[in-house]
Amino acid sequence: MGFSVSVDNFGALLERLYEAPDSEITRREAAARKLSPSHFTYQGTLDQIRRFLVNGTGDLRCRVPPLGTRGPGGPWPNPVTPKCRAY
């Protein structure tokens, strides 16, 4: 349903969207409207975070940070950072 793209590939995504049929754009816009209350509002965001932290449900996913990412104490994974299933 969604897109995942790096900054380097953002131009290719824009080209793909430009060439997409109107029906696909309409379908994606409807999906975004449906997710809006649970993902793009203050309360919805807090609920997603709560669900992830309390019981691992919801739509948040833990991922290893990109190489070169630095935490407060140095490169990830930082031993102070809570472990993630992705580590």
PDB file of N, CA and C in Angstrom:
ATOM      1  N   MET A   1       0.825  -1.186   0.000  1.00  0.00           N
ATOM      2  CA  MET A   1       0.000   0.000   0.000  1.00  0.00           C
ATOM      3  C   MET A   1       0.871   1.252   0.000  1.00  0.00           C
ATOM      4  N   GLY A   2       1.936   1.262   0.790  1.00  0.00           N
ATOM      5  CA  GLY A   2       2.714   2.484   0.936  1.00  0.00           C
ATOM      6  C   GLY A   2       4.000   2.456   0.151  1.00  0.00           C
ATOM      7  N   PHE A   3       4.806   3.446   0.423  1.00  0.00           N
ATOM      8  CA  PHE A   3       6.102   3.558  -0.227  1.00  0.00           C
ATOM      9  C   PHE A   3       7.177   3.662   0.828  1.00  0.00           C
ATOM     10  N   SER A   4       8.300   3.093   0.550  1.00  0.00           N
ATOM     11  CA  SER A   4       9.493   3.272   1.357  1.00  0.00           C
ATOM     12  C   SER A   4      10.590   3.641   0.379  1.00  0.00           C
ATOM     13  N   VAL A   5      11.202   4.797   0.598  1.00  0.00           N
ATOM     14  CA  VAL A   5      12.175   5.268  -0.375  1.00  0.00           C
ATOM     15  C   VAL A   5      13.269   6.047   0.336  1.00  0.00           C
ATOM     16  N   SER A   6      14.489   5.911  -0.166  1.00  0.00           N
ATOM     17  CA  SER A   6      15.591   6.706   0.367  1.00  0.00           C
ATOM     18  C   SER A   6      15.608   8.045  -0.361  1.00  0.00           C
ATOM     19  N   VAL A   7      16.303   8.995   0.201  1.00  0.00           N
ATOM     20  CA  VAL A   7      16.392  10.316  -0.423  1.00  0.00           C
ATOM     21  C   VAL A   7      17.003  10.193  -1.823  1.00  0.00           C
ATOM     22  N   ASP A   8      17.978   9.305  -1.958  1.00  0.00           N
ATOM     23  CA  ASP A   8      18.639   9.131  -3.258  1.00  0.00           C
ATOM     24  C   ASP A   8      17.676   8.641  -4.340  1.00  0.00           C
ATOM     25  N   ASN A   9      16.635   7.913  -3.947  1.00  0.00           N
ATOM     26  CA  ASN A   9      15.692   7.348  -4.925  1.00  0.00           C
ATOM     27  C   ASN A   9      14.377   8.106  -4.984  1.00  0.00           C
ATOM     28  N   PHE A  10      14.320   9.263  -4.340  1.00  0.00           N
ATOM     29  CA  PHE A  10      13.069  10.015  -4.285  1.00  0.00           C
ATOM     30  C   PHE A  10      12.607  10.454  -5.685  1.00  0.00           C
ATOM     31  N   GLY A  11      13.536  10.823  -6.544  1.00  0.00           N
ATOM     32  CA  GLY A  11      13.185  11.225  -7.912  1.00  0.00           C
ATOM     33  C   GLY A  11      12.481  10.102  -8.668  1.00  0.00           C
ATOM     34  N   ALA A  12      12.966   8.883  -8.487  1.00  0.00           N
ATOM     35  CA  ALA A  12      12.342   7.732  -9.152  1.00  0.00           C
ATOM     36  C   ALA A  12      10.923   7.519  -8.637  1.00  0.00           C
ATOM     37  N   LEU A  13      10.710   7.750  -7.339  1.00  0.00           N
ATOM     38  CA  LEU A  13       9.360   7.633  -6.785  1.00  0.00           C
ATOM     39  C   LEU A  13       8.438   8.674  -7.393  1.00  0.00           C
ATOM     40  N   LEU A  14       8.915   9.894  -7.513  1.00  0.00           N
ATOM     41  CA  LEU A  14       8.090  10.943  -8.126  1.00  0.00           C
ATOM     42  C   LEU A  14       7.717  10.588  -9.561  1.00  0.00           C
ATOM     43  N   GLU A  15       8.648  10.030 -10.316  1.00  0.00           N
ATOM     44  CA  GLU A  15       8.354   9.602 -11.687  1.00  0.00           C
ATOM     45  C   GLU A  15       7.301   8.497 -11.687  1.00  0.00           C
ATOM     46  N   ARG A  16       7.441   7.552 -10.746  1.00  0.00           N
ATOM     47  CA  ARG A  16       6.467   6.453 -10.663  1.00  0.00           C
ATOM     48  C   ARG A  16       5.071   6.985 -10.361  1.00  0.00           C
ATOM     49  N   LEU A  17       4.983   7.942  -9.436  1.00  0.00           N
ATOM     50  CA  LEU A  17       3.683   8.518  -9.102  1.00  0.00           C
ATOM     51  C   LEU A  17       3.113   9.317 -10.270  1.00  0.00           C
ATOM     52  N   TYR A  18       3.970  10.021 -10.974  1.00  0.00           N
ATOM     53  CA  TYR A  18       3.518  10.812 -12.124  1.00  0.00           C
ATOM     54  C   TYR A  18       2.911   9.913 -13.195  1.00  0.00           C
ATOM     55  N   GLU A  19       3.489   8.728 -13.360  1.00  0.00           N
ATOM     56  CA  GLU A  19       3.025   7.804 -14.396  1.00  0.00           C
ATOM     57  C   GLU A  19       1.886   6.896 -13.923  1.00  0.00           C
ATOM     58  N   ALA A  20       1.582   6.901 -12.637  1.00  0.00           N
ATOM     59  CA  ALA A  20       0.541   6.025 -12.101  1.00  0.00           C
ATOM     60  C   ALA A  20      -0.833   6.445 -12.625  1.00  0.00           C
ATOM     61  N   PRO A  21      -1.710   5.472 -12.860  1.00  0.00           N
ATOM     62  CA  PRO A  21      -3.064   5.813 -13.305  1.00  0.00           C
ATOM     63  C   PRO A  21      -3.842   6.544 -12.201  1.00  0.00           C
ATOM     64  N   ASP A  22      -4.792   7.345 -12.610  1.00  0.00           N
ATOM     65  CA  ASP A  22      -5.600   8.104 -11.652  1.00  0.00           C
ATOM     66  C   ASP A  22      -6.270   7.187 -10.630  1.00  0.00           C
ATOM     67  N   SER A  23      -6.665   5.990 -11.051  1.00  0.00           N
ATOM     68  CA  SER A  23      -7.333   5.069 -10.126  1.00  0.00           C
ATOM     69  C   SER A  23      -6.406   4.672  -8.976  1.00  0.00           C
ATOM     70  N   GLU A  24      -5.121   4.498  -9.255  1.00  0.00           N
ATOM     71  CA  GLU A  24      -4.176   4.145  -8.189  1.00  0.00           C
ATOM     72  C   GLU A  24      -3.988   5.322  -7.229  1.00  0.00           C
ATOM     73  N   ILE A  25      -3.887   6.521  -7.762  1.00  0.00           N
ATOM     74  CA  ILE A  25      -3.738   7.706  -6.916  1.00  0.00           C
ATOM     75  C   ILE A  25      -4.977   7.880  -6.036  1.00  0.00           C
ATOM     76  N   THR A  26      -6.149   7.690  -6.617  1.00  0.00           N
ATOM     77  CA  THR A  26      -7.398   7.792  -5.857  1.00  0.00           C
ATOM     78  C   THR A  26      -7.438   6.757  -4.743  1.00  0.00           C
ATOM     79  N   ARG A  27      -7.032   5.538  -5.041  1.00  0.00           N
ATOM     80  CA  ARG A  27      -7.011   4.462  -4.044  1.00  0.00           C
ATOM     81  C   ARG A  27      -6.036   4.794  -2.920  1.00  0.00           C
ATOM     82  N   ARG A  28      -4.864   5.292  -3.253  1.00  0.00           N
ATOM     83  CA  ARG A  28      -3.861   5.636  -2.241  1.00  0.00           C
ATOM     84  C   ARG A  28      -4.316   6.822  -1.384  1.00  0.00           C
ATOM     85  N   GLU A  29      -4.965   7.796  -1.997  1.00  0.00           N
ATOM     86  CA  GLU A  29      -5.476   8.943  -1.231  1.00  0.00           C
ATOM     87  C   GLU A  29      -6.541   8.488  -0.236  1.00  0.00           C
ATOM     88  N   ALA A  30      -7.410   7.558  -0.659  1.00  0.00           N
ATOM     89  CA  ALA A  30      -8.443   7.036   0.238  1.00  0.00           C
ATOM     90  C   ALA A  30      -7.807   6.280   1.406  1.00  0.00           C
ATOM     91  N   ALA A  31      -6.763   5.517   1.126  1.00  0.00           N
ATOM     92  CA  ALA A  31      -6.071   4.783   2.191  1.00  0.00           C
ATOM     93  C   ALA A  31      -5.424   5.754   3.176  1.00  0.00           C
ATOM     94  N   ALA A  32      -4.843   6.839   2.675  1.00  0.00           N
ATOM     95  CA  ALA A  32      -4.227   7.839   3.551  1.00  0.00           C
ATOM     96  C   ALA A  32      -5.276   8.519   4.429  1.00  0.00           C
ATOM     97  N   ARG A  33      -6.447   8.817   3.852  1.00  0.00           N
ATOM     98  CA  ARG A  33      -7.532   9.422   4.642  1.00  0.00           C
ATOM     99  C   ARG A  33      -7.996   8.469   5.748  1.00  0.00           C
ATOM    100  N   LYS A  34      -8.050   7.176   5.426  1.00  0.00           N
ATOM    101  CA  LYS A  34      -8.495   6.184   6.403  1.00  0.00           C
ATOM    102  C   LYS A  34      -7.499   6.080   7.571  1.00  0.00           C
ATOM    103  N   LEU A  35      -6.204   6.171   7.278  1.00  0.00           N
ATOM    104  CA  LEU A  35      -5.181   6.066   8.314  1.00  0.00           C
ATOM    105  C   LEU A  35      -4.940   7.363   9.073  1.00  0.00           C
ATOM    106  N   SER A  36      -5.422   8.448   8.549  1.00  0.00           N
ATOM    107  CA  SER A  36      -5.123   9.757   9.124  1.00  0.00           C
ATOM    108  C   SER A  36      -5.408   9.858  10.622  1.00  0.00           C
ATOM    109  N   PRO A  37      -6.589   9.478  11.113  1.00  0.00           N
ATOM    110  CA  PRO A  37      -6.855   9.636  12.546  1.00  0.00           C
ATOM    111  C   PRO A  37      -5.928   8.805  13.441  1.00  0.00           C
ATOM    112  N   SER A  38      -5.539   7.604  12.981  1.00  0.00           N
ATOM    113  CA  SER A  38      -4.739   6.714  13.826  1.00  0.00           C
ATOM    114  C   SER A  38      -3.235   6.876  13.641  1.00  0.00           C
ATOM    115  N   HIS A  39      -2.816   7.654  12.648  1.00  0.00           N
ATOM    116  CA  HIS A  39      -1.388   7.772  12.389  1.00  0.00           C
ATOM    117  C   HIS A  39      -0.885   9.211  12.277  1.00  0.00           C
ATOM    118  N   PHE A  40      -1.731  10.148  11.952  1.00  0.00           N
ATOM    119  CA  PHE A  40      -1.273  11.513  11.663  1.00  0.00           C
ATOM    120  C   PHE A  40      -1.926  12.571  12.541  1.00  0.00           C
ATOM    121  N   THR A  41      -2.425  12.145  13.700  1.00  0.00           N
ATOM    122  CA  THR A  41      -2.930  13.098  14.686  1.00  0.00           C
ATOM    123  C   THR A  41      -2.107  12.897  15.957  1.00  0.00           C
ATOM    124  N   TYR A  42      -2.118  13.872  16.828  1.00  0.00           N
ATOM    125  CA  TYR A  42      -1.374  13.771  18.077  1.00  0.00           C
ATOM    126  C   TYR A  42      -1.815  12.536  18.862  1.00  0.00           C
ATOM    127  N   GLN A  43      -3.116  12.377  19.064  1.00  0.00           N
ATOM    128  CA  GLN A  43      -3.623  11.246  19.842  1.00  0.00           C
ATOM    129  C   GLN A  43      -3.332   9.922  19.156  1.00  0.00           C
ATOM    130  N   GLY A  44      -3.484   9.875  17.838  1.00  0.00           N
ATOM    131  CA  GLY A  44      -3.206   8.645  17.102  1.00  0.00           C
ATOM    132  C   GLY A  44      -1.745   8.243  17.200  1.00  0.00           C
ATOM    133  N   THR A  45      -0.849   9.213  17.115  1.00  0.00           N
ATOM    134  CA  THR A  45       0.583   8.937  17.236  1.00  0.00           C
ATOM    135  C   THR A  45       0.913   8.400  18.623  1.00  0.00           C
ATOM    136  N   LEU A  46       0.364   9.047  19.667  1.00  0.00           N
ATOM    137  CA  LEU A  46       0.598   8.562  21.029  1.00  0.00           C
ATOM    138  C   LEU A  46       0.065   7.146  21.207  1.00  0.00           C
ATOM    139  N   ASP A  47      -1.079   6.844  20.616  1.00  0.00           N
ATOM    140  CA  ASP A  47      -1.650   5.505  20.719  1.00  0.00           C
ATOM    141  C   ASP A  47      -0.763   4.476  20.022  1.00  0.00           C
ATOM    142  N   GLN A  48      -0.215   4.818  18.860  1.00  0.00           N
ATOM    143  CA  GLN A  48       0.689   3.892  18.165  1.00  0.00           C
ATOM    144  C   GLN A  48       1.931   3.616  19.012  1.00  0.00           C
ATOM    145  N   ILE A  49       2.485   4.666  19.624  1.00  0.00           N
ATOM    146  CA  ILE A  49       3.667   4.492  20.469  1.00  0.00           C
ATOM    147  C   ILE A  49       3.324   3.631  21.681  1.00  0.00           C
ATOM    148  N   ARG A  50       2.190   3.910  22.321  1.00  0.00           N
ATOM    149  CA  ARG A  50       1.766   3.123  23.484  1.00  0.00           C
ATOM    150  C   ARG A  50       1.599   1.653  23.119  1.00  0.00           C
ATOM    151  N   ARG A  51       0.920   1.391  22.015  1.00  0.00           N
ATOM    152  CA  ARG A  51       0.698   0.003  21.599  1.00  0.00           C
ATOM    153  C   ARG A  51       2.021  -0.713  21.345  1.00  0.00           C
ATOM    154  N   PHE A  52       2.975  -0.028  20.736  1.00  0.00           N
ATOM    155  CA  PHE A  52       4.279  -0.627  20.456  1.00  0.00           C
ATOM    156  C   PHE A  52       5.027  -0.932  21.755  1.00  0.00           C
ATOM    157  N   LEU A  53       5.051   0.042  22.677  1.00  0.00           N
ATOM    158  CA  LEU A  53       5.818  -0.133  23.911  1.00  0.00           C
ATOM    159  C   LEU A  53       5.173  -1.113  24.883  1.00  0.00           C
ATOM    160  N   VAL A  54       3.844  -1.134  24.942  1.00  0.00           N
ATOM    161  CA  VAL A  54       3.165  -1.978  25.925  1.00  0.00           C
ATOM    162  C   VAL A  54       3.111  -3.437  25.481  1.00  0.00           C
ATOM    163  N   ASN A  55       2.721  -3.683  24.246  1.00  0.00           N
ATOM    164  CA  ASN A  55       2.558  -5.091  23.850  1.00  0.00           C
ATOM    165  C   ASN A  55       3.075  -5.419  22.455  1.00  0.00           C
ATOM    166  N   GLY A  56       3.826  -4.520  21.853  1.00  0.00           N
ATOM    167  CA  GLY A  56       4.436  -4.823  20.551  1.00  0.00           C
ATOM    168  C   GLY A  56       3.462  -4.865  19.396  1.00  0.00           C
ATOM    169  N   THR A  57       2.275  -4.295  19.573  1.00  0.00           N
ATOM    170  CA  THR A  57       1.313  -4.277  18.477  1.00  0.00           C
ATOM    171  C   THR A  57       1.318  -2.894  17.836  1.00  0.00           C
ATOM    172  N   GLY A  58       0.388  -2.644  16.966  1.00  0.00           N
ATOM    173  CA  GLY A  58       0.329  -1.375  16.257  1.00  0.00           C
ATOM    174  C   GLY A  58       1.145  -1.441  14.984  1.00  0.00           C
ATOM    175  N   ASP A  59       1.391  -0.293  14.399  1.00  0.00           N
ATOM    176  CA  ASP A  59       2.063  -0.253  13.112  1.00  0.00           C
ATOM    177  C   ASP A  59       3.513   0.208  13.170  1.00  0.00           C
ATOM    178  N   LEU A  60       4.036   0.498  14.359  1.00  0.00           N
ATOM    179  CA  LEU A  60       5.435   0.873  14.473  1.00  0.00           C
ATOM    180  C   LEU A  60       6.308  -0.366  14.385  1.00  0.00           C
ATOM    181  N   ARG A  61       7.437  -0.243  13.724  1.00  0.00           N
ATOM    182  CA  ARG A  61       8.383  -1.339  13.590  1.00  0.00           C
ATOM    183  C   ARG A  61       9.763  -0.836  13.981  1.00  0.00           C
ATOM    184  N   CYS A  62      10.502  -1.669  14.662  1.00  0.00           N
ATOM    185  CA  CYS A  62      11.860  -1.345  15.065  1.00  0.00           C
ATOM    186  C   CYS A  62      12.810  -1.787  13.957  1.00  0.00           C
ATOM    187  N   ARG A  63      13.726  -0.897  13.596  1.00  0.00           N
ATOM    188  CA  ARG A  63      14.712  -1.211  12.557  1.00  0.00           C
ATOM    189  C   ARG A  63      16.089  -0.779  13.020  1.00  0.00           C
ATOM    190  N   VAL A  64      17.097  -1.441  12.512  1.00  0.00           N
ATOM    191  CA  VAL A  64      18.462  -1.045  12.800  1.00  0.00           C
ATOM    192  C   VAL A  64      18.702   0.310  12.145  1.00  0.00           C
ATOM    193  N   PRO A  65      19.263   1.271  12.887  1.00  0.00           N
ATOM    194  CA  PRO A  65      19.549   2.574  12.274  1.00  0.00           C
ATOM    195  C   PRO A  65      20.556   2.417  11.133  1.00  0.00           C
ATOM    196  N   PRO A  66      20.528   3.315  10.169  1.00  0.00           N
ATOM    197  CA  PRO A  66      21.475   3.234   9.054  1.00  0.00           C
ATOM    198  C   PRO A  66      22.914   3.327   9.552  1.00  0.00           C
ATOM    199  N   LEU A  67      23.829   2.723   8.829  1.00  0.00           N
ATOM    200  CA  LEU A  67      25.244   2.814   9.169  1.00  0.00           C
ATOM    201  C   LEU A  67      25.666   4.267   9.289  1.00  0.00           C
ATOM    202  N   GLY A  68      26.470   4.554  10.261  1.00  0.00           N
ATOM    203  CA  GLY A  68      26.930   5.927  10.443  1.00  0.00           C
ATOM    204  C   GLY A  68      26.037   6.745  11.357  1.00  0.00           C
ATOM    205  N   THR A  69      24.854   6.214  11.708  1.00  0.00           N
ATOM    206  CA  THR A  69      23.971   6.928  12.618  1.00  0.00           C
ATOM    207  C   THR A  69      24.615   6.940  13.993  1.00  0.00           C
ATOM    208  N   ARG A  70      24.550   8.072  14.643  1.00  0.00           N
ATOM    209  CA  ARG A  70      25.146   8.175  15.969  1.00  0.00           C
ATOM    210  C   ARG A  70      24.082   8.444  17.017  1.00  0.00           C
ATOM    211  N   GLY A  71      24.194   7.741  18.114  1.00  0.00           N
ATOM    212  CA  GLY A  71      23.344   7.994  19.263  1.00  0.00           C
ATOM    213  C   GLY A  71      24.053   8.959  20.195  1.00  0.00           C
ATOM    214  N   PRO A  72      23.485   9.222  21.351  1.00  0.00           N
ATOM    215  CA  PRO A  72      24.086  10.176  22.278  1.00  0.00           C
ATOM    216  C   PRO A  72      25.480   9.752  22.738  1.00  0.00           C
ATOM    217  N   GLY A  73      25.750   8.455  22.777  1.00  0.00           N
ATOM    218  CA  GLY A  73      27.047   7.992  23.263  1.00  0.00           C
ATOM    219  C   GLY A  73      27.940   7.426  22.182  1.00  0.00           C
ATOM    220  N   GLY A  74      27.574   7.558  20.937  1.00  0.00           N
ATOM    221  CA  GLY A  74      28.403   7.013  19.856  1.00  0.00           C
ATOM    222  C   GLY A  74      27.560   6.266  18.848  1.00  0.00           C
ATOM    223  N   PRO A  75      28.237   5.494  17.989  1.00  0.00           N
ATOM    224  CA  PRO A  75      27.510   4.762  16.944  1.00  0.00           C
ATOM    225  C   PRO A  75      26.558   3.728  17.538  1.00  0.00           C
ATOM    226  N   TRP A  76      25.485   3.444  16.818  1.00  0.00           N
ATOM    227  CA  TRP A  76      24.530   2.421  17.229  1.00  0.00           C
ATOM    228  C   TRP A  76      25.127   1.058  16.928  1.00  0.00           C
ATOM    229  N   PRO A  77      24.710  -0.037  17.539  1.00  0.00           N
ATOM    230  CA  PRO A  77      23.807  -0.021  18.672  1.00  0.00           C
ATOM    231  C   PRO A  77      24.538   0.412  19.933  1.00  0.00           C
ATOM    232  N   ASN A  78      23.915   1.277  20.668  1.00  0.00           N
ATOM    233  CA  ASN A  78      24.449   1.798  21.911  1.00  0.00           C
ATOM    234  C   ASN A  78      23.956   0.879  23.029  1.00  0.00           C
ATOM    235  N   PRO A  79      24.853   0.404  23.932  1.00  0.00           N
ATOM    236  CA  PRO A  79      24.402  -0.518  24.977  1.00  0.00           C
ATOM    237  C   PRO A  79      23.341   0.074  25.901  1.00  0.00           C
ATOM    238  N   VAL A  80      23.250   1.399  25.953  1.00  0.00           N
ATOM    239  CA  VAL A  80      22.243   2.031  26.800  1.00  0.00           C
ATOM    240  C   VAL A  80      20.881   2.005  26.121  1.00  0.00           C
ATOM    241  N   THR A  81      20.887   1.941  24.780  1.00  0.00           N
ATOM    242  CA  THR A  81      19.636   1.931  24.017  1.00  0.00           C
ATOM    243  C   THR A  81      18.919   0.607  24.221  1.00  0.00           C
ATOM    244  N   PRO A  82      17.615   0.631  24.524  1.00  0.00           N
ATOM    245  CA  PRO A  82      16.890  -0.638  24.662  1.00  0.00           C
ATOM    246  C   PRO A  82      17.056  -1.483  23.407  1.00  0.00           C
ATOM    247  N   LYS A  83      17.213  -2.767  23.620  1.00  0.00           N
ATOM    248  CA  LYS A  83      17.397  -3.678  22.489  1.00  0.00           C
ATOM    249  C   LYS A  83      16.137  -3.764  21.657  1.00  0.00           C
ATOM    250  N   CYS A  84      16.341  -3.903  20.397  1.00  0.00           N
ATOM    251  CA  CYS A  84      15.264  -3.989  19.420  1.00  0.00           C
ATOM    252  C   CYS A  84      15.365  -5.342  18.753  1.00  0.00           C
ATOM    253  N   ARG A  85      14.245  -5.899  18.345  1.00  0.00           N
ATOM    254  CA  ARG A  85      14.278  -7.198  17.673  1.00  0.00           C
ATOM    255  C   ARG A  85      15.137  -7.166  16.410  1.00  0.00           C
ATOM    256  N   ALA A  86      15.348  -5.981  15.859  1.00  0.00           N
ATOM    257  CA  ALA A  86      16.129  -5.878  14.631  1.00  0.00           C
ATOM    258  C   ALA A  86      17.623  -6.008  14.895  1.00  0.00           C
ATOM    259  N   TYR A  87      18.065  -5.823  16.137  1.00  0.00           N
ATOM    260  CA  TYR A  87      19.505  -5.918  16.436  1.00  0.00           C
ATOM    261  C   TYR A  87      19.898  -7.359  16.430  1.00  0.00           C
TER     262      TYR A  87
END
